[in-house]
Protein backbone atom coordinates (compact mmCIF):
# COMPACT_ATOMS: atom_id res chain seq x y z
CA MET A 1 -1.76 -9.14 8.88
CA VAL A 2 -1.51 -12.88 8.91
CA SER A 3 -2.54 -14.68 5.71
CA LYS A 4 -4.50 -17.90 5.99
CA LEU A 5 -3.64 -20.93 3.87
CA ASP A 6 -7.29 -21.65 3.10
CA GLY A 7 -7.69 -18.32 1.23
CA SER A 8 -10.06 -16.76 3.77
CA ALA A 9 -9.65 -13.16 4.92
CA PRO A 10 -6.46 -12.40 6.86
CA ILE A 11 -6.58 -11.47 10.53
CA ALA A 12 -4.85 -8.47 12.08
CA LEU A 13 -2.56 -9.22 14.99
CA ASN A 14 -2.12 -5.55 15.86
CA GLU A 15 -4.02 -2.92 13.87
CA ASN A 16 -1.98 -0.02 15.30
CA LYS A 17 -4.76 2.49 14.61
CA VAL A 18 -3.80 6.16 14.89
CA ALA A 19 -6.81 8.29 15.88
CA GLU A 20 -5.28 11.45 14.37
CA LEU A 21 -5.35 9.88 10.88
CA ALA A 22 -9.13 9.34 10.94
CA GLU A 23 -9.83 12.93 9.83
CA TYR A 24 -8.00 12.28 6.52
CA LYS A 25 -10.43 9.51 5.47
CA LEU A 26 -7.66 7.52 3.76
CA SER A 27 -8.52 4.58 1.55
CA PRO A 28 -7.04 1.21 2.54
CA PRO A 29 -3.65 0.46 0.96
CA GLU A 30 -3.65 -1.52 -2.30
CA PHE A 31 -0.72 -3.88 -2.82
CA MET A 32 0.76 -4.37 -6.30
CA THR A 33 3.92 -5.04 -8.26
CA VAL A 34 5.72 -2.55 -10.49
CA LYS A 35 7.86 -3.77 -13.39
CA THR A 36 11.24 -2.04 -13.81
CA HIS A 37 12.78 -1.13 -17.17
CA ASP A 38 14.84 -4.33 -17.03
CA GLY A 39 11.83 -6.57 -16.30
CA MET A 40 12.19 -7.04 -12.54
CA ASP A 41 9.01 -6.99 -10.42
CA LEU A 42 9.12 -4.73 -7.36
CA ASN A 43 6.58 -4.92 -4.54
CA ALA A 44 4.65 -1.70 -3.96
CA TRP A 45 1.53 -0.29 -2.36
CA ILE A 46 -0.61 2.79 -2.92
CA ILE A 47 -3.10 4.76 -0.83
CA LYS A 48 -5.56 6.68 -3.01
CA PRO A 49 -7.38 9.84 -1.86
CA ALA A 50 -10.95 9.63 -0.61
CA ASN A 51 -13.41 9.79 -3.53
CA PHE A 52 -10.62 8.88 -5.95
CA ASP A 53 -11.45 9.67 -9.59
CA ALA A 54 -9.19 8.02 -12.19
CA ALA A 55 -10.00 10.81 -14.67
CA LYS A 56 -8.34 13.43 -12.42
CA LYS A 57 -4.66 14.10 -11.75
CA TYR A 58 -3.31 14.00 -8.19
CA PRO A 59 0.03 14.87 -6.60
CA VAL A 60 2.15 11.83 -5.75
CA LEU A 61 4.46 11.17 -2.83
CA ILE A 62 7.00 8.41 -3.42
CA TYR A 63 8.84 6.87 -0.48
CA THR A 64 11.61 4.33 -0.99
CA TYR A 65 12.77 2.13 1.88
CA GLY A 66 16.16 0.65 1.14
CA GLY A 67 16.60 -1.28 4.35
CA PRO A 68 18.38 -4.58 4.79
CA HIS A 69 17.23 -7.19 2.28
CA ALA A 70 14.62 -4.81 0.83
CA GLN A 71 13.88 -4.04 -2.78
CA VAL A 72 14.67 -0.51 -3.94
């Protein structure tokens, strides 16, 4: 995605859609920051299940990418 300086909606340069994922009815990713115990903000994103209900408990998969110049 490319952000626009005027605040309007971003445009996708290459959506890279995967037809096989359509059956899972995934929600769009939500971007956020997570504060560590020592006060540092880490960038993160979450994909919630379809029909997400905040009152229910769900299993969680956590993936950490520790590539070059990336936060871990």
